[in-house]
Amino acid sequence: MATIPDPNVLEGEIDFQIPTAGKQCKTWYRLIGDLQAGKRPLITLHGGPGATSDYLFVFANITAAHGIPVILYDQVGSGRSTHLPEKMGDASFWIIQIFLDELDNLLAHFKIQDDYDLLGHSWGGMLAASHAVRNPSGLRRLALMSSLPSMPLWVAEQNKLRSGLPQEVQDILRKHEDAGTTNDKEYEAATQIFNDHYLCRLKPMPPGLATSFEWIEKDPTVYHTM
């Protein structure tokens, strides 16, 4: 899709209370367009978990072409929102309910909880579906991109893809996963080979996607834990 000149963009932060976080948290957002223009807003949920909304900025094209306001945000623990590296490995903390509460908090902040559309990509699609099955009264349309309904099926299919990698790469991935050392540079390099084969084959990687990966590298707390 060709890049359309950026429409009006507003960036800011929303206070977000997580009782078990031990500190005040904030959700960083980017609002593209005008919520008062009479068009139903679209909220986008990024993947990861632990990536950022940067690669979803392409949806600014929707605003420029159709006047539909789009809200992007970095989920807590990611990007420009509050980071909690002290919660690395704490699976009792990093649960989907935190992200459902964060989405509800964002909807309430913008006062759009009675009328909105939702788009989720990858992990963001899982989050969007988990929000939708609660039957929120204001959700009008749901779009899921490259998402998954079943983790066991996803793991099985990922393993099929891994079997197509060079054996030495497969061995490195398995070694560090078995040892719990997935933050090792050797593992990260092997993961990059997988990504080059199956996640994004464009070279160079699109800037927004590259930025999202850079944020994961800076703080992989959410990604590694979940």
Protein backbone atom coordinates (compact mmCIF):
# COMPACT_ATOMS: atom_id res chain seq x y z
CA MET A 1 0.00 0.00 0.00
CA ALA A 2 1.41 3.37 -0.95
CA THR A 3 2.11 5.71 1.91
CA ILE A 4 -0.39 8.56 2.15
CA PRO A 5 0.76 11.78 3.86
CA ASP A 6 0.13 11.54 7.59
CA PRO A 7 -3.15 13.06 8.77
CA ASN A 8 -3.47 14.71 12.16
CA VAL A 9 -1.65 12.65 14.80
CA LEU A 10 -1.87 13.03 18.58
CA GLU A 11 0.37 11.11 20.98
CA GLY A 12 -0.04 10.80 24.73
CA GLU A 13 -0.24 8.58 27.80
CA ILE A 14 -3.12 7.13 29.80
CA ASP A 15 -2.86 6.24 33.49
CA PHE A 16 -3.40 2.51 33.97
CA GLN A 17 -3.73 0.93 37.40
CA ILE A 18 -2.35 -2.59 37.89
CA PRO A 19 -2.70 -3.42 41.61
CA THR A 20 0.10 -6.00 41.58
CA ALA A 21 2.58 -3.91 39.56
CA GLY A 22 3.99 -2.06 42.55
CA LYS A 23 4.07 1.23 40.67
CA GLN A 24 1.96 3.58 38.58
CA CYS A 25 1.65 2.38 34.98
CA LYS A 26 0.87 4.25 31.79
CA THR A 27 -0.27 3.25 28.31
CA TRP A 28 1.26 5.19 25.45
CA TYR A 29 -1.04 5.83 22.48
CA ARG A 30 -1.10 7.40 19.05
CA LEU A 31 -4.42 8.78 17.81
CA ILE A 32 -4.62 9.33 14.07
CA GLY A 33 -7.49 11.51 12.90
CA ASP A 34 -10.41 13.16 14.68
CA LEU A 35 -12.67 11.28 17.10
CA GLN A 36 -15.27 14.04 16.69
CA ALA A 37 -15.55 13.61 12.93
CA GLY A 38 -18.54 11.28 13.15
CA LYS A 39 -16.71 8.12 12.02
CA ARG A 40 -16.47 5.02 14.19
CA PRO A 41 -12.87 4.63 15.46
CA LEU A 42 -10.67 1.61 14.82
CA ILE A 43 -8.43 0.36 17.64
CA THR A 44 -5.46 -1.80 16.63
CA LEU A 45 -3.78 -4.39 18.84
CA HIS A 46 -0.16 -5.25 18.08
CA GLY A 47 1.51 -8.63 18.24
CA GLY A 48 4.31 -10.11 20.28
CA PRO A 49 3.35 -10.20 23.01
CA GLY A 50 5.87 -7.53 23.82
CA ALA A 51 6.19 -5.88 20.40
CA THR A 52 4.93 -2.35 19.67
CA SER A 53 2.39 -0.59 17.50
CA ASP A 54 4.99 0.94 15.16
CA TYR A 55 4.45 -1.55 12.34
CA LEU A 56 0.70 -0.88 12.42
CA PHE A 57 1.13 2.81 11.54
CA VAL A 58 0.34 1.82 7.95
CA PHE A 59 -3.31 2.02 9.04
CA ALA A 60 -2.92 5.79 8.95
CA ASN A 61 -3.83 5.23 5.31
CA ILE A 62 -7.38 4.40 6.40
CA THR A 63 -7.68 7.74 8.14
CA ALA A 64 -6.22 9.66 5.23
CA ALA A 65 -8.42 7.91 2.67
CA HIS A 66 -11.70 7.57 4.57
CA GLY A 67 -11.55 9.87 7.61
CA ILE A 68 -11.79 6.92 10.03
CA PRO A 69 -9.88 7.68 13.24
CA VAL A 70 -7.35 4.99 14.20
CA ILE A 71 -5.92 4.44 17.67
CA LEU A 72 -2.61 2.62 18.04
CA TYR A 73 -1.07 1.89 21.42
CA ASP A 74 1.86 0.07 22.97
CA GLN A 75 0.63 -2.52 25.42
CA VAL A 76 1.97 -2.22 28.96
CA GLY A 77 5.46 -3.65 29.29
CA SER A 78 6.23 -2.71 25.69
CA GLY A 79 7.56 0.21 23.68
CA ARG A 80 6.77 3.62 25.12
CA SER A 81 4.38 2.33 27.78
CA THR A 82 5.49 1.45 31.31
CA HIS A 83 8.09 -1.31 31.49
CA LEU A 84 8.24 -3.87 34.29
CA PRO A 85 11.54 -5.74 33.86
CA GLU A 86 11.33 -6.78 37.49
CA LYS A 87 8.45 -9.06 36.42
CA MET A 88 10.62 -11.10 34.05
CA GLY A 89 9.54 -14.74 34.27
CA ASP A 90 6.54 -14.00 36.48
CA ALA A 91 3.83 -15.96 34.68
CA SER A 92 1.34 -15.22 37.45
CA PHE A 93 1.65 -11.50 36.63
CA TRP A 94 1.75 -11.53 32.82
CA ILE A 95 -1.71 -12.88 32.13
CA ILE A 96 -4.19 -11.90 29.44
CA GLN A 97 -6.47 -10.19 31.96
CA ILE A 98 -3.97 -7.34 32.34
CA PHE A 99 -4.20 -6.59 28.63
CA LEU A 100 -7.99 -6.93 28.58
CA ASP A 101 -8.17 -4.42 31.44
CA GLU A 102 -5.78 -2.11 29.60
CA LEU A 103 -7.97 -2.17 26.48
CA ASP A 104 -11.06 -1.40 28.57
CA ASN A 105 -9.16 1.45 30.21
CA LEU A 106 -8.22 2.89 26.83
CA LEU A 107 -11.79 2.68 25.54
CA ALA A 108 -13.05 4.47 28.65
CA HIS A 109 -10.35 7.14 28.36
CA PHE A 110 -11.47 8.08 24.87
CA LYS A 111 -15.16 7.57 25.77
CA ILE A 112 -15.64 5.25 22.79
CA GLN A 113 -16.65 2.09 24.64
CA ASP A 114 -20.15 2.29 23.17
CA ASP A 115 -19.10 2.33 19.50
CA TYR A 116 -15.79 1.07 18.10
CA ASP A 117 -14.15 -1.43 15.74
CA LEU A 118 -11.22 -3.62 16.73
CA LEU A 119 -8.34 -5.09 14.74
CA GLY A 120 -5.80 -7.51 16.19
CA HIS A 121 -2.65 -8.91 14.60
CA SER A 122 -1.01 -12.17 15.75
CA TRP A 123 -1.01 -12.08 19.57
CA GLY A 124 -3.12 -8.95 19.23
CA GLY A 125 -5.71 -11.09 17.44
CA MET A 126 -5.81 -13.45 20.41
CA LEU A 127 -6.33 -10.45 22.68
CA ALA A 128 -9.02 -9.02 20.40
CA ALA A 129 -10.86 -12.35 20.29
CA SER A 130 -10.66 -12.67 24.08
CA HIS A 131 -12.18 -9.20 24.34
CA ALA A 132 -14.90 -10.00 21.80
CA VAL A 133 -16.10 -13.22 23.45
CA ARG A 134 -17.11 -11.16 26.48
CA ASN A 135 -19.73 -9.66 24.15
CA PRO A 136 -18.93 -5.98 24.77
CA SER A 137 -21.92 -3.90 23.76
CA GLY A 138 -19.93 -1.28 21.84
CA LEU A 139 -17.90 -3.58 19.60
CA ARG A 140 -19.26 -3.35 16.06
CA ARG A 141 -16.63 -5.04 13.88
CA LEU A 142 -13.75 -7.41 14.63
CA ALA A 143 -10.83 -8.06 12.26
CA LEU A 144 -8.19 -10.72 12.99
CA MET A 145 -4.91 -10.72 11.06
CA SER A 146 -2.51 -13.69 11.05
CA SER A 147 -3.82 -14.75 14.42
CA LEU A 148 -4.51 -18.14 15.99
CA PRO A 149 -7.35 -19.83 17.86
CA SER A 150 -5.28 -22.66 19.34
CA MET A 151 -1.81 -22.59 20.89
CA PRO A 152 -1.27 -26.38 20.52
CA LEU A 153 -2.06 -26.19 16.79
CA TRP A 154 0.15 -23.10 16.43
CA VAL A 155 3.09 -24.83 18.15
CA ALA A 156 2.66 -27.90 15.95
CA GLU A 157 2.70 -25.77 12.79
CA GLN A 158 5.68 -23.72 13.98
CA ASN A 159 7.57 -26.95 14.55
CA LYS A 160 6.82 -27.98 10.97
CA LEU A 161 8.32 -24.70 9.78
CA ARG A 162 11.36 -25.17 12.02
CA SER A 163 12.00 -28.57 10.47
CA GLY A 164 12.76 -26.74 7.22
CA LEU A 165 15.65 -24.80 8.78
CA PRO A 166 19.27 -25.99 8.67
CA GLN A 167 19.84 -28.70 11.30
CA GLU A 168 22.38 -26.62 13.21
CA VAL A 169 19.83 -23.83 13.60
CA GLN A 170 17.22 -26.29 14.87
CA ASP A 171 19.75 -27.68 17.36
CA ILE A 172 20.54 -24.20 18.73
CA LEU A 173 16.87 -23.37 19.18
CA ARG A 174 16.17 -26.66 20.96
CA LYS A 175 19.26 -26.41 23.16
CA HIS A 176 18.38 -23.00 24.57
CA GLU A 177 14.67 -23.73 24.91
CA ASP A 178 15.45 -26.87 26.91
CA ALA A 179 17.94 -24.94 29.08
CA GLY A 180 15.67 -21.92 29.54
CA THR A 181 18.33 -19.63 28.06
CA THR A 182 16.24 -18.01 25.35
CA ASN A 183 17.81 -14.62 26.11
CA ASP A 184 21.18 -15.94 24.87
CA LYS A 185 22.60 -14.14 21.82
CA GLU A 186 23.07 -17.45 20.03
CA TYR A 187 19.37 -18.20 20.43
CA GLU A 188 18.41 -14.72 19.25
CA ALA A 189 20.55 -15.17 16.14
CA ALA A 190 18.91 -18.51 15.39
CA THR A 191 15.48 -16.96 15.92
CA GLN A 192 16.39 -14.26 13.41
CA ILE A 193 17.09 -16.96 10.83
CA PHE A 194 13.60 -18.36 11.46
CA ASN A 195 12.13 -14.87 11.11
CA ASP A 196 14.02 -14.26 7.87
CA HIS A 197 12.51 -17.44 6.44
CA TYR A 198 8.95 -17.21 7.69
CA LEU A 199 8.07 -13.90 9.34
CA CYS A 200 9.35 -11.18 7.00
CA ARG A 201 11.29 -11.87 3.83
CA LEU A 202 11.61 -8.23 2.80
CA LYS A 203 15.15 -6.87 2.90
CA PRO A 204 15.60 -4.43 4.42
CA MET A 205 12.81 -5.04 6.90
CA PRO A 206 10.14 -2.30 6.82
CA PRO A 207 11.11 0.46 9.30
CA GLY A 208 8.02 0.08 11.51
CA LEU A 209 8.54 -3.66 11.90
CA ALA A 210 12.26 -3.18 12.55
CA THR A 211 11.43 -0.67 15.30
CA SER A 212 9.02 -3.13 16.93
CA PHE A 213 11.73 -5.80 17.02
CA GLU A 214 14.22 -3.29 18.42
CA TRP A 215 11.87 -2.61 21.33
CA ILE A 216 11.61 -6.35 22.08
CA GLU A 217 15.40 -6.55 22.13
CA LYS A 218 15.63 -3.60 24.54
CA ASP A 219 13.23 -5.24 26.99
CA PRO A 220 12.10 -8.82 26.25
CA THR A 221 10.28 -9.22 29.58
CA VAL A 222 6.78 -9.69 28.18
CA TYR A 223 7.90 -11.63 25.12
CA HIS A 224 10.05 -14.13 26.99
CA THR A 225 7.64 -14.60 29.88
CA MET A 226 4.49 -15.09 27.84
